[in-house]
Amino acid sequence: GRRPARWLPAVAAVGVALWLGNGA
């Protein structure tokens, strides 16, 4: 898409993955 706004969900998903990893 080459639109900056499309990166926000990807960044949020990275945050969720890191949070879950800390929980593990």
PDBML (XML) file of the C-alpha atoms, coordinates in Angstrom:
<?xml version="1.0" encoding="UTF-8" ?>
<PDBx:datablock datablockName="MODEL"
   xmlns:PDBx="http://pdbml.pdb.org/schema/pdbx-v50.xsd"
   xmlns:xsi="http://www.w3.org/2001/XMLSchema-instance"
   xsi:schemaLocation="http://pdbml.pdb.org/schema/pdbx-v50.xsd pdbx-v50.xsd">
   <PDBx:atom_siteCategory>
      <PDBx:atom_site id="1">
         <PDBx:B_iso_or_equiv>0.00</PDBx:B_iso_or_equiv>
         <PDBx:Cartn_x>0.000</PDBx:Cartn_x>
         <PDBx:Cartn_y>0.000</PDBx:Cartn_y>
         <PDBx:Cartn_z>0.000</PDBx:Cartn_z>
         <PDBx:auth_asym_id>A</PDBx:auth_asym_id>
         <PDBx:auth_atom_id>CA</PDBx:auth_atom_id>
         <PDBx:auth_comp_id>GLY</PDBx:auth_comp_id>
         <PDBx:auth_seq_id>1</PDBx:auth_seq_id>
         <PDBx:group_PDB>ATOM</PDBx:group_PDB>
         <PDBx:label_alt_id xsi:nil="true" />
         <PDBx:label_asym_id>A</PDBx:label_asym_id>
         <PDBx:label_atom_id>CA</PDBx:label_atom_id>
         <PDBx:label_comp_id>GLY</PDBx:label_comp_id>
         <PDBx:label_entity_id>1</PDBx:label_entity_id>
         <PDBx:label_seq_id>1</PDBx:label_seq_id>
         <PDBx:occupancy>1.00</PDBx:occupancy>
         <PDBx:pdbx_PDB_model_num>1</PDBx:pdbx_PDB_model_num>
         <PDBx:type_symbol>C</PDBx:type_symbol>
      </PDBx:atom_site>
      <PDBx:atom_site id="2">
         <PDBx:B_iso_or_equiv>0.00</PDBx:B_iso_or_equiv>
         <PDBx:Cartn_x>2.926</PDBx:Cartn_x>
         <PDBx:Cartn_y>2.369</PDBx:Cartn_y>
         <PDBx:Cartn_z>0.638</PDBx:Cartn_z>
         <PDBx:auth_asym_id>A</PDBx:auth_asym_id>
         <PDBx:auth_atom_id>CA</PDBx:auth_atom_id>
         <PDBx:auth_comp_id>ARG</PDBx:auth_comp_id>
         <PDBx:auth_seq_id>2</PDBx:auth_seq_id>
         <PDBx:group_PDB>ATOM</PDBx:group_PDB>
         <PDBx:label_alt_id xsi:nil="true" />
         <PDBx:label_asym_id>A</PDBx:label_asym_id>
         <PDBx:label_atom_id>CA</PDBx:label_atom_id>
         <PDBx:label_comp_id>ARG</PDBx:label_comp_id>
         <PDBx:label_entity_id>1</PDBx:label_entity_id>
         <PDBx:label_seq_id>2</PDBx:label_seq_id>
         <PDBx:occupancy>1.00</PDBx:occupancy>
         <PDBx:pdbx_PDB_model_num>1</PDBx:pdbx_PDB_model_num>
         <PDBx:type_symbol>C</PDBx:type_symbol>
      </PDBx:atom_site>
      <PDBx:atom_site id="3">
         <PDBx:B_iso_or_equiv>0.00</PDBx:B_iso_or_equiv>
         <PDBx:Cartn_x>0.852</PDBx:Cartn_x>
         <PDBx:Cartn_y>4.409</PDBx:Cartn_y>
         <PDBx:Cartn_z>3.062</PDBx:Cartn_z>
         <PDBx:auth_asym_id>A</PDBx:auth_asym_id>
         <PDBx:auth_atom_id>CA</PDBx:auth_atom_id>
         <PDBx:auth_comp_id>ARG</PDBx:auth_comp_id>
         <PDBx:auth_seq_id>3</PDBx:auth_seq_id>
         <PDBx:group_PDB>ATOM</PDBx:group_PDB>
         <PDBx:label_alt_id xsi:nil="true" />
         <PDBx:label_asym_id>A</PDBx:label_asym_id>
         <PDBx:label_atom_id>CA</PDBx:label_atom_id>
         <PDBx:label_comp_id>ARG</PDBx:label_comp_id>
         <PDBx:label_entity_id>1</PDBx:label_entity_id>
         <PDBx:label_seq_id>3</PDBx:label_seq_id>
         <PDBx:occupancy>1.00</PDBx:occupancy>
         <PDBx:pdbx_PDB_model_num>1</PDBx:pdbx_PDB_model_num>
         <PDBx:type_symbol>C</PDBx:type_symbol>
      </PDBx:atom_site>
      <PDBx:atom_site id="4">
         <PDBx:B_iso_or_equiv>0.00</PDBx:B_iso_or_equiv>
         <PDBx:Cartn_x>2.301</PDBx:Cartn_x>
         <PDBx:Cartn_y>5.259</PDBx:Cartn_y>
         <PDBx:Cartn_z>6.518</PDBx:Cartn_z>
         <PDBx:auth_asym_id>A</PDBx:auth_asym_id>
         <PDBx:auth_atom_id>CA</PDBx:auth_atom_id>
         <PDBx:auth_comp_id>PRO</PDBx:auth_comp_id>
         <PDBx:auth_seq_id>4</PDBx:auth_seq_id>
         <PDBx:group_PDB>ATOM</PDBx:group_PDB>
         <PDBx:label_alt_id xsi:nil="true" />
         <PDBx:label_asym_id>A</PDBx:label_asym_id>
         <PDBx:label_atom_id>CA</PDBx:label_atom_id>
         <PDBx:label_comp_id>PRO</PDBx:label_comp_id>
         <PDBx:label_entity_id>1</PDBx:label_entity_id>
         <PDBx:label_seq_id>4</PDBx:label_seq_id>
         <PDBx:occupancy>1.00</PDBx:occupancy>
         <PDBx:pdbx_PDB_model_num>1</PDBx:pdbx_PDB_model_num>
         <PDBx:type_symbol>C</PDBx:type_symbol>
      </PDBx:atom_site>
      <PDBx:atom_site id="5">
         <PDBx:B_iso_or_equiv>0.00</PDBx:B_iso_or_equiv>
         <PDBx:Cartn_x>-1.011</PDBx:Cartn_x>
         <PDBx:Cartn_y>4.557</PDBx:Cartn_y>
         <PDBx:Cartn_z>8.305</PDBx:Cartn_z>
         <PDBx:auth_asym_id>A</PDBx:auth_asym_id>
         <PDBx:auth_atom_id>CA</PDBx:auth_atom_id>
         <PDBx:auth_comp_id>ALA</PDBx:auth_comp_id>
         <PDBx:auth_seq_id>5</PDBx:auth_seq_id>
         <PDBx:group_PDB>ATOM</PDBx:group_PDB>
         <PDBx:label_alt_id xsi:nil="true" />
         <PDBx:label_asym_id>A</PDBx:label_asym_id>
         <PDBx:label_atom_id>CA</PDBx:label_atom_id>
         <PDBx:label_comp_id>ALA</PDBx:label_comp_id>
         <PDBx:label_entity_id>1</PDBx:label_entity_id>
         <PDBx:label_seq_id>5</PDBx:label_seq_id>
         <PDBx:occupancy>1.00</PDBx:occupancy>
         <PDBx:pdbx_PDB_model_num>1</PDBx:pdbx_PDB_model_num>
         <PDBx:type_symbol>C</PDBx:type_symbol>
      </PDBx:atom_site>
      <PDBx:atom_site id="6">
         <PDBx:B_iso_or_equiv>0.00</PDBx:B_iso_or_equiv>
         <PDBx:Cartn_x>-0.801</PDBx:Cartn_x>
         <PDBx:Cartn_y>0.919</PDBx:Cartn_y>
         <PDBx:Cartn_z>7.203</PDBx:Cartn_z>
         <PDBx:auth_asym_id>A</PDBx:auth_asym_id>
         <PDBx:auth_atom_id>CA</PDBx:auth_atom_id>
         <PDBx:auth_comp_id>ARG</PDBx:auth_comp_id>
         <PDBx:auth_seq_id>6</PDBx:auth_seq_id>
         <PDBx:group_PDB>ATOM</PDBx:group_PDB>
         <PDBx:label_alt_id xsi:nil="true" />
         <PDBx:label_asym_id>A</PDBx:label_asym_id>
         <PDBx:label_atom_id>CA</PDBx:label_atom_id>
         <PDBx:label_comp_id>ARG</PDBx:label_comp_id>
         <PDBx:label_entity_id>1</PDBx:label_entity_id>
         <PDBx:label_seq_id>6</PDBx:label_seq_id>
         <PDBx:occupancy>1.00</PDBx:occupancy>
         <PDBx:pdbx_PDB_model_num>1</PDBx:pdbx_PDB_model_num>
         <PDBx:type_symbol>C</PDBx:type_symbol>
      </PDBx:atom_site>
      <PDBx:atom_site id="7">
         <PDBx:B_iso_or_equiv>0.00</PDBx:B_iso_or_equiv>
         <PDBx:Cartn_x>2.263</PDBx:Cartn_x>
         <PDBx:Cartn_y>0.435</PDBx:Cartn_y>
         <PDBx:Cartn_z>9.401</PDBx:Cartn_z>
         <PDBx:auth_asym_id>A</PDBx:auth_asym_id>
         <PDBx:auth_atom_id>CA</PDBx:auth_atom_id>
         <PDBx:auth_comp_id>TRP</PDBx:auth_comp_id>
         <PDBx:auth_seq_id>7</PDBx:auth_seq_id>
         <PDBx:group_PDB>ATOM</PDBx:group_PDB>
         <PDBx:label_alt_id xsi:nil="true" />
         <PDBx:label_asym_id>A</PDBx:label_asym_id>
         <PDBx:label_atom_id>CA</PDBx:label_atom_id>
         <PDBx:label_comp_id>TRP</PDBx:label_comp_id>
         <PDBx:label_entity_id>1</PDBx:label_entity_id>
         <PDBx:label_seq_id>7</PDBx:label_seq_id>
         <PDBx:occupancy>1.00</PDBx:occupancy>
         <PDBx:pdbx_PDB_model_num>1</PDBx:pdbx_PDB_model_num>
         <PDBx:type_symbol>C</PDBx:type_symbol>
      </PDBx:atom_site>
      <PDBx:atom_site id="8">
         <PDBx:B_iso_or_equiv>0.00</PDBx:B_iso_or_equiv>
         <PDBx:Cartn_x>0.315</PDBx:Cartn_x>
         <PDBx:Cartn_y>1.102</PDBx:Cartn_y>
         <PDBx:Cartn_z>12.633</PDBx:Cartn_z>
         <PDBx:auth_asym_id>A</PDBx:auth_asym_id>
         <PDBx:auth_atom_id>CA</PDBx:auth_atom_id>
         <PDBx:auth_comp_id>LEU</PDBx:auth_comp_id>
         <PDBx:auth_seq_id>8</PDBx:auth_seq_id>
         <PDBx:group_PDB>ATOM</PDBx:group_PDB>
         <PDBx:label_alt_id xsi:nil="true" />
         <PDBx:label_asym_id>A</PDBx:label_asym_id>
         <PDBx:label_atom_id>CA</PDBx:label_atom_id>
         <PDBx:label_comp_id>LEU</PDBx:label_comp_id>
         <PDBx:label_entity_id>1</PDBx:label_entity_id>
         <PDBx:label_seq_id>8</PDBx:label_seq_id>
         <PDBx:occupancy>1.00</PDBx:occupancy>
         <PDBx:pdbx_PDB_model_num>1</PDBx:pdbx_PDB_model_num>
         <PDBx:type_symbol>C</PDBx:type_symbol>
      </PDBx:atom_site>
      <PDBx:atom_site id="9">
         <PDBx:B_iso_or_equiv>0.00</PDBx:B_iso_or_equiv>
         <PDBx:Cartn_x>-1.384</PDBx:Cartn_x>
         <PDBx:Cartn_y>-2.340</PDBx:Cartn_y>
         <PDBx:Cartn_z>12.812</PDBx:Cartn_z>
         <PDBx:auth_asym_id>A</PDBx:auth_asym_id>
         <PDBx:auth_atom_id>CA</PDBx:auth_atom_id>
         <PDBx:auth_comp_id>PRO</PDBx:auth_comp_id>
         <PDBx:auth_seq_id>9</PDBx:auth_seq_id>
         <PDBx:group_PDB>ATOM</PDBx:group_PDB>
         <PDBx:label_alt_id xsi:nil="true" />
         <PDBx:label_asym_id>A</PDBx:label_asym_id>
         <PDBx:label_atom_id>CA</PDBx:label_atom_id>
         <PDBx:label_comp_id>PRO</PDBx:label_comp_id>
         <PDBx:label_entity_id>1</PDBx:label_entity_id>
         <PDBx:label_seq_id>9</PDBx:label_seq_id>
         <PDBx:occupancy>1.00</PDBx:occupancy>
         <PDBx:pdbx_PDB_model_num>1</PDBx:pdbx_PDB_model_num>
         <PDBx:type_symbol>C</PDBx:type_symbol>
      </PDBx:atom_site>
      <PDBx:atom_site id="10">
         <PDBx:B_iso_or_equiv>0.00</PDBx:B_iso_or_equiv>
         <PDBx:Cartn_x>1.971</PDBx:Cartn_x>
         <PDBx:Cartn_y>-4.029</PDBx:Cartn_y>
         <PDBx:Cartn_z>12.109</PDBx:Cartn_z>
         <PDBx:auth_asym_id>A</PDBx:auth_asym_id>
         <PDBx:auth_atom_id>CA</PDBx:auth_atom_id>
         <PDBx:auth_comp_id>ALA</PDBx:auth_comp_id>
         <PDBx:auth_seq_id>10</PDBx:auth_seq_id>
         <PDBx:group_PDB>ATOM</PDBx:group_PDB>
         <PDBx:label_alt_id xsi:nil="true" />
         <PDBx:label_asym_id>A</PDBx:label_asym_id>
         <PDBx:label_atom_id>CA</PDBx:label_atom_id>
         <PDBx:label_comp_id>ALA</PDBx:label_comp_id>
         <PDBx:label_entity_id>1</PDBx:label_entity_id>
         <PDBx:label_seq_id>10</PDBx:label_seq_id>
         <PDBx:occupancy>1.00</PDBx:occupancy>
         <PDBx:pdbx_PDB_model_num>1</PDBx:pdbx_PDB_model_num>
         <PDBx:type_symbol>C</PDBx:type_symbol>
      </PDBx:atom_site>
      <PDBx:atom_site id="11">
         <PDBx:B_iso_or_equiv>0.00</PDBx:B_iso_or_equiv>
         <PDBx:Cartn_x>3.639</PDBx:Cartn_x>
         <PDBx:Cartn_y>-2.084</PDBx:Cartn_y>
         <PDBx:Cartn_z>14.922</PDBx:Cartn_z>
         <PDBx:auth_asym_id>A</PDBx:auth_asym_id>
         <PDBx:auth_atom_id>CA</PDBx:auth_atom_id>
         <PDBx:auth_comp_id>VAL</PDBx:auth_comp_id>
         <PDBx:auth_seq_id>11</PDBx:auth_seq_id>
         <PDBx:group_PDB>ATOM</PDBx:group_PDB>
         <PDBx:label_alt_id xsi:nil="true" />
         <PDBx:label_asym_id>A</PDBx:label_asym_id>
         <PDBx:label_atom_id>CA</PDBx:label_atom_id>
         <PDBx:label_comp_id>VAL</PDBx:label_comp_id>
         <PDBx:label_entity_id>1</PDBx:label_entity_id>
         <PDBx:label_seq_id>11</PDBx:label_seq_id>
         <PDBx:occupancy>1.00</PDBx:occupancy>
         <PDBx:pdbx_PDB_model_num>1</PDBx:pdbx_PDB_model_num>
         <PDBx:type_symbol>C</PDBx:type_symbol>
      </PDBx:atom_site>
      <PDBx:atom_site id="12">
         <PDBx:B_iso_or_equiv>0.00</PDBx:B_iso_or_equiv>
         <PDBx:Cartn_x>0.734</PDBx:Cartn_x>
         <PDBx:Cartn_y>-2.959</PDBx:Cartn_y>
         <PDBx:Cartn_z>17.259</PDBx:Cartn_z>
         <PDBx:auth_asym_id>A</PDBx:auth_asym_id>
         <PDBx:auth_atom_id>CA</PDBx:auth_atom_id>
         <PDBx:auth_comp_id>ALA</PDBx:auth_comp_id>
         <PDBx:auth_seq_id>12</PDBx:auth_seq_id>
         <PDBx:group_PDB>ATOM</PDBx:group_PDB>
         <PDBx:label_alt_id xsi:nil="true" />
         <PDBx:label_asym_id>A</PDBx:label_asym_id>
         <PDBx:label_atom_id>CA</PDBx:label_atom_id>
         <PDBx:label_comp_id>ALA</PDBx:label_comp_id>
         <PDBx:label_entity_id>1</PDBx:label_entity_id>
         <PDBx:label_seq_id>12</PDBx:label_seq_id>
         <PDBx:occupancy>1.00</PDBx:occupancy>
         <PDBx:pdbx_PDB_model_num>1</PDBx:pdbx_PDB_model_num>
         <PDBx:type_symbol>C</PDBx:type_symbol>
      </PDBx:atom_site>
      <PDBx:atom_site id="13">
         <PDBx:B_iso_or_equiv>0.00</PDBx:B_iso_or_equiv>
         <PDBx:Cartn_x>1.069</PDBx:Cartn_x>
         <PDBx:Cartn_y>-6.661</PDBx:Cartn_y>
         <PDBx:Cartn_z>16.350</PDBx:Cartn_z>
         <PDBx:auth_asym_id>A</PDBx:auth_asym_id>
         <PDBx:auth_atom_id>CA</PDBx:auth_atom_id>
         <PDBx:auth_comp_id>ALA</PDBx:auth_comp_id>
         <PDBx:auth_seq_id>13</PDBx:auth_seq_id>
         <PDBx:group_PDB>ATOM</PDBx:group_PDB>
         <PDBx:label_alt_id xsi:nil="true" />
         <PDBx:label_asym_id>A</PDBx:label_asym_id>
         <PDBx:label_atom_id>CA</PDBx:label_atom_id>
         <PDBx:label_comp_id>ALA</PDBx:label_comp_id>
         <PDBx:label_entity_id>1</PDBx:label_entity_id>
         <PDBx:label_seq_id>13</PDBx:label_seq_id>
         <PDBx:occupancy>1.00</PDBx:occupancy>
         <PDBx:pdbx_PDB_model_num>1</PDBx:pdbx_PDB_model_num>
         <PDBx:type_symbol>C</PDBx:type_symbol>
      </PDBx:atom_site>
      <PDBx:atom_site id="14">
         <PDBx:B_iso_or_equiv>0.00</PDBx:B_iso_or_equiv>
         <PDBx:Cartn_x>4.816</PDBx:Cartn_x>
         <PDBx:Cartn_y>-6.524</PDBx:Cartn_y>
         <PDBx:Cartn_z>17.133</PDBx:Cartn_z>
         <PDBx:auth_asym_id>A</PDBx:auth_asym_id>
         <PDBx:auth_atom_id>CA</PDBx:auth_atom_id>
         <PDBx:auth_comp_id>VAL</PDBx:auth_comp_id>
         <PDBx:auth_seq_id>14</PDBx:auth_seq_id>
         <PDBx:group_PDB>ATOM</PDBx:group_PDB>
         <PDBx:label_alt_id xsi:nil="true" />
         <PDBx:label_asym_id>A</PDBx:label_asym_id>
         <PDBx:label_atom_id>CA</PDBx:label_atom_id>
         <PDBx:label_comp_id>VAL</PDBx:label_comp_id>
         <PDBx:label_entity_id>1</PDBx:label_entity_id>
         <PDBx:label_seq_id>14</PDBx:label_seq_id>
         <PDBx:occupancy>1.00</PDBx:occupancy>
         <PDBx:pdbx_PDB_model_num>1</PDBx:pdbx_PDB_model_num>
         <PDBx:type_symbol>C</PDBx:type_symbol>
      </PDBx:atom_site>
      <PDBx:atom_site id="15">
         <PDBx:B_iso_or_equiv>0.00</PDBx:B_iso_or_equiv>
         <PDBx:Cartn_x>3.948</PDBx:Cartn_x>
         <PDBx:Cartn_y>-5.018</PDBx:Cartn_y>
         <PDBx:Cartn_z>20.530</PDBx:Cartn_z>
         <PDBx:auth_asym_id>A</PDBx:auth_asym_id>
         <PDBx:auth_atom_id>CA</PDBx:auth_atom_id>
         <PDBx:auth_comp_id>GLY</PDBx:auth_comp_id>
         <PDBx:auth_seq_id>15</PDBx:auth_seq_id>
         <PDBx:group_PDB>ATOM</PDBx:group_PDB>
         <PDBx:label_alt_id xsi:nil="true" />
         <PDBx:label_asym_id>A</PDBx:label_asym_id>
         <PDBx:label_atom_id>CA</PDBx:label_atom_id>
         <PDBx:label_comp_id>GLY</PDBx:label_comp_id>
         <PDBx:label_entity_id>1</PDBx:label_entity_id>
         <PDBx:label_seq_id>15</PDBx:label_seq_id>
         <PDBx:occupancy>1.00</PDBx:occupancy>
         <PDBx:pdbx_PDB_model_num>1</PDBx:pdbx_PDB_model_num>
         <PDBx:type_symbol>C</PDBx:type_symbol>
      </PDBx:atom_site>
      <PDBx:atom_site id="16">
         <PDBx:B_iso_or_equiv>0.00</PDBx:B_iso_or_equiv>
         <PDBx:Cartn_x>1.424</PDBx:Cartn_x>
         <PDBx:Cartn_y>-7.798</PDBx:Cartn_y>
         <PDBx:Cartn_z>21.225</PDBx:Cartn_z>
         <PDBx:auth_asym_id>A</PDBx:auth_asym_id>
         <PDBx:auth_atom_id>CA</PDBx:auth_atom_id>
         <PDBx:auth_comp_id>VAL</PDBx:auth_comp_id>
         <PDBx:auth_seq_id>16</PDBx:auth_seq_id>
         <PDBx:group_PDB>ATOM</PDBx:group_PDB>
         <PDBx:label_alt_id xsi:nil="true" />
         <PDBx:label_asym_id>A</PDBx:label_asym_id>
         <PDBx:label_atom_id>CA</PDBx:label_atom_id>
         <PDBx:label_comp_id>VAL</PDBx:label_comp_id>
         <PDBx:label_entity_id>1</PDBx:label_entity_id>
         <PDBx:label_seq_id>16</PDBx:label_seq_id>
         <PDBx:occupancy>1.00</PDBx:occupancy>
         <PDBx:pdbx_PDB_model_num>1</PDBx:pdbx_PDB_model_num>
         <PDBx:type_symbol>C</PDBx:type_symbol>
      </PDBx:atom_site>
      <PDBx:atom_site id="17">
         <PDBx:B_iso_or_equiv>0.00</PDBx:B_iso_or_equiv>
         <PDBx:Cartn_x>3.952</PDBx:Cartn_x>
         <PDBx:Cartn_y>-10.480</PDBx:Cartn_y>
         <PDBx:Cartn_z>20.232</PDBx:Cartn_z>
         <PDBx:auth_asym_id>A</PDBx:auth_asym_id>
         <PDBx:auth_atom_id>CA</PDBx:auth_atom_id>
         <PDBx:auth_comp_id>ALA</PDBx:auth_comp_id>
         <PDBx:auth_seq_id>17</PDBx:auth_seq_id>
         <PDBx:group_PDB>ATOM</PDBx:group_PDB>
         <PDBx:label_alt_id xsi:nil="true" />
         <PDBx:label_asym_id>A</PDBx:label_asym_id>
         <PDBx:label_atom_id>CA</PDBx:label_atom_id>
         <PDBx:label_comp_id>ALA</PDBx:label_comp_id>
         <PDBx:label_entity_id>1</PDBx:label_entity_id>
         <PDBx:label_seq_id>17</PDBx:label_seq_id>
         <PDBx:occupancy>1.00</PDBx:occupancy>
         <PDBx:pdbx_PDB_model_num>1</PDBx:pdbx_PDB_model_num>
         <PDBx:type_symbol>C</PDBx:type_symbol>
      </PDBx:atom_site>
      <PDBx:atom_site id="18">
         <PDBx:B_iso_or_equiv>0.00</PDBx:B_iso_or_equiv>
         <PDBx:Cartn_x>6.596</PDBx:Cartn_x>
         <PDBx:Cartn_y>-9.002</PDBx:Cartn_y>
         <PDBx:Cartn_z>22.564</PDBx:Cartn_z>
         <PDBx:auth_asym_id>A</PDBx:auth_asym_id>
         <PDBx:auth_atom_id>CA</PDBx:auth_atom_id>
         <PDBx:auth_comp_id>LEU</PDBx:auth_comp_id>
         <PDBx:auth_seq_id>18</PDBx:auth_seq_id>
         <PDBx:group_PDB>ATOM</PDBx:group_PDB>
         <PDBx:label_alt_id xsi:nil="true" />
         <PDBx:label_asym_id>A</PDBx:label_asym_id>
         <PDBx:label_atom_id>CA</PDBx:label_atom_id>
         <PDBx:label_comp_id>LEU</PDBx:label_comp_id>
         <PDBx:label_entity_id>1</PDBx:label_entity_id>
         <PDBx:label_seq_id>18</PDBx:label_seq_id>
         <PDBx:occupancy>1.00</PDBx:occupancy>
         <PDBx:pdbx_PDB_model_num>1</PDBx:pdbx_PDB_model_num>
         <PDBx:type_symbol>C</PDBx:type_symbol>
      </PDBx:atom_site>
      <PDBx:atom_site id="19">
         <PDBx:B_iso_or_equiv>0.00</PDBx:B_iso_or_equiv>
         <PDBx:Cartn_x>4.066</PDBx:Cartn_x>
         <PDBx:Cartn_y>-8.714</PDBx:Cartn_y>
         <PDBx:Cartn_z>25.406</PDBx:Cartn_z>
         <PDBx:auth_asym_id>A</PDBx:auth_asym_id>
         <PDBx:auth_atom_id>CA</PDBx:auth_atom_id>
         <PDBx:auth_comp_id>TRP</PDBx:auth_comp_id>
         <PDBx:auth_seq_id>19</PDBx:auth_seq_id>
         <PDBx:group_PDB>ATOM</PDBx:group_PDB>
         <PDBx:label_alt_id xsi:nil="true" />
         <PDBx:label_asym_id>A</PDBx:label_asym_id>
         <PDBx:label_atom_id>CA</PDBx:label_atom_id>
         <PDBx:label_comp_id>TRP</PDBx:label_comp_id>
         <PDBx:label_entity_id>1</PDBx:label_entity_id>
         <PDBx:label_seq_id>19</PDBx:label_seq_id>
         <PDBx:occupancy>1.00</PDBx:occupancy>
         <PDBx:pdbx_PDB_model_num>1</PDBx:pdbx_PDB_model_num>
         <PDBx:type_symbol>C</PDBx:type_symbol>
      </PDBx:atom_site>
      <PDBx:atom_site id="20">
         <PDBx:B_iso_or_equiv>0.00</PDBx:B_iso_or_equiv>
         <PDBx:Cartn_x>3.027</PDBx:Cartn_x>
         <PDBx:Cartn_y>-12.354</PDBx:Cartn_y>
         <PDBx:Cartn_z>24.984</PDBx:Cartn_z>
         <PDBx:auth_asym_id>A</PDBx:auth_asym_id>
         <PDBx:auth_atom_id>CA</PDBx:auth_atom_id>
         <PDBx:auth_comp_id>LEU</PDBx:auth_comp_id>
         <PDBx:auth_seq_id>20</PDBx:auth_seq_id>
         <PDBx:group_PDB>ATOM</PDBx:group_PDB>
         <PDBx:label_alt_id xsi:nil="true" />
         <PDBx:label_asym_id>A</PDBx:label_asym_id>
         <PDBx:label_atom_id>CA</PDBx:label_atom_id>
         <PDBx:label_comp_id>LEU</PDBx:label_comp_id>
         <PDBx:label_entity_id>1</PDBx:label_entity_id>
         <PDBx:label_seq_id>20</PDBx:label_seq_id>
         <PDBx:occupancy>1.00</PDBx:occupancy>
         <PDBx:pdbx_PDB_model_num>1</PDBx:pdbx_PDB_model_num>
         <PDBx:type_symbol>C</PDBx:type_symbol>
      </PDBx:atom_site>
      <PDBx:atom_site id="21">
         <PDBx:B_iso_or_equiv>0.00</PDBx:B_iso_or_equiv>
         <PDBx:Cartn_x>6.688</PDBx:Cartn_x>
         <PDBx:Cartn_y>-13.384</PDBx:Cartn_y>
         <PDBx:Cartn_z>24.850</PDBx:Cartn_z>
         <PDBx:auth_asym_id>A</PDBx:auth_asym_id>
         <PDBx:auth_atom_id>CA</PDBx:auth_atom_id>
         <PDBx:auth_comp_id>GLY</PDBx:auth_comp_id>
         <PDBx:auth_seq_id>21</PDBx:auth_seq_id>
         <PDBx:group_PDB>ATOM</PDBx:group_PDB>
         <PDBx:label_alt_id xsi:nil="true" />
         <PDBx:label_asym_id>A</PDBx:label_asym_id>
         <PDBx:label_atom_id>CA</PDBx:label_atom_id>
         <PDBx:label_comp_id>GLY</PDBx:label_comp_id>
         <PDBx:label_entity_id>1</PDBx:label_entity_id>
         <PDBx:label_seq_id>21</PDBx:label_seq_id>
         <PDBx:occupancy>1.00</PDBx:occupancy>
         <PDBx:pdbx_PDB_model_num>1</PDBx:pdbx_PDB_model_num>
         <PDBx:type_symbol>C</PDBx:type_symbol>
      </PDBx:atom_site>
      <PDBx:atom_site id="22">
         <PDBx:B_iso_or_equiv>0.00</PDBx:B_iso_or_equiv>
         <PDBx:Cartn_x>7.298</PDBx:Cartn_x>
         <PDBx:Cartn_y>-11.663</PDBx:Cartn_y>
         <PDBx:Cartn_z>28.186</PDBx:Cartn_z>
         <PDBx:auth_asym_id>A</PDBx:auth_asym_id>
         <PDBx:auth_atom_id>CA</PDBx:auth_atom_id>
         <PDBx:auth_comp_id>ASN</PDBx:auth_comp_id>
         <PDBx:auth_seq_id>22</PDBx:auth_seq_id>
         <PDBx:group_PDB>ATOM</PDBx:group_PDB>
         <PDBx:label_alt_id xsi:nil="true" />
         <PDBx:label_asym_id>A</PDBx:label_asym_id>
         <PDBx:label_atom_id>CA</PDBx:label_atom_id>
         <PDBx:label_comp_id>ASN</PDBx:label_comp_id>
         <PDBx:label_entity_id>1</PDBx:label_entity_id>
         <PDBx:label_seq_id>22</PDBx:label_seq_id>
         <PDBx:occupancy>1.00</PDBx:occupancy>
         <PDBx:pdbx_PDB_model_num>1</PDBx:pdbx_PDB_model_num>
         <PDBx:type_symbol>C</PDBx:type_symbol>
      </PDBx:atom_site>
      <PDBx:atom_site id="23">
         <PDBx:B_iso_or_equiv>0.00</PDBx:B_iso_or_equiv>
         <PDBx:Cartn_x>4.313</PDBx:Cartn_x>
         <PDBx:Cartn_y>-13.532</PDBx:Cartn_y>
         <PDBx:Cartn_z>29.602</PDBx:Cartn_z>
         <PDBx:auth_asym_id>A</PDBx:auth_asym_id>
         <PDBx:auth_atom_id>CA</PDBx:auth_atom_id>
         <PDBx:auth_comp_id>GLY</PDBx:auth_comp_id>
         <PDBx:auth_seq_id>23</PDBx:auth_seq_id>
         <PDBx:group_PDB>ATOM</PDBx:group_PDB>
         <PDBx:label_alt_id xsi:nil="true" />
         <PDBx:label_asym_id>A</PDBx:label_asym_id>
         <PDBx:label_atom_id>CA</PDBx:label_atom_id>
         <PDBx:label_comp_id>GLY</PDBx:label_comp_id>
         <PDBx:label_entity_id>1</PDBx:label_entity_id>
         <PDBx:label_seq_id>23</PDBx:label_seq_id>
         <PDBx:occupancy>1.00</PDBx:occupancy>
         <PDBx:pdbx_PDB_model_num>1</PDBx:pdbx_PDB_model_num>
         <PDBx:type_symbol>C</PDBx:type_symbol>
      </PDBx:atom_site>
      <PDBx:atom_site id="24">
         <PDBx:B_iso_or_equiv>0.00</PDBx:B_iso_or_equiv>
         <PDBx:Cartn_x>5.770</PDBx:Cartn_x>
         <PDBx:Cartn_y>-16.844</PDBx:Cartn_y>
         <PDBx:Cartn_z>28.420</PDBx:Cartn_z>
         <PDBx:auth_asym_id>A</PDBx:auth_asym_id>
         <PDBx:auth_atom_id>CA</PDBx:auth_atom_id>
         <PDBx:auth_comp_id>ALA</PDBx:auth_comp_id>
         <PDBx:auth_seq_id>24</PDBx:auth_seq_id>
         <PDBx:group_PDB>ATOM</PDBx:group_PDB>
         <PDBx:label_alt_id xsi:nil="true" />
         <PDBx:label_asym_id>A</PDBx:label_asym_id>
         <PDBx:label_atom_id>CA</PDBx:label_atom_id>
         <PDBx:label_comp_id>ALA</PDBx:label_comp_id>
         <PDBx:label_entity_id>1</PDBx:label_entity_id>
         <PDBx:label_seq_id>24</PDBx:label_seq_id>
         <PDBx:occupancy>1.00</PDBx:occupancy>
         <PDBx:pdbx_PDB_model_num>1</PDBx:pdbx_PDB_model_num>
         <PDBx:type_symbol>C</PDBx:type_symbol>
      </PDBx:atom_site>
   </PDBx:atom_siteCategory>
</PDBx:datablock>
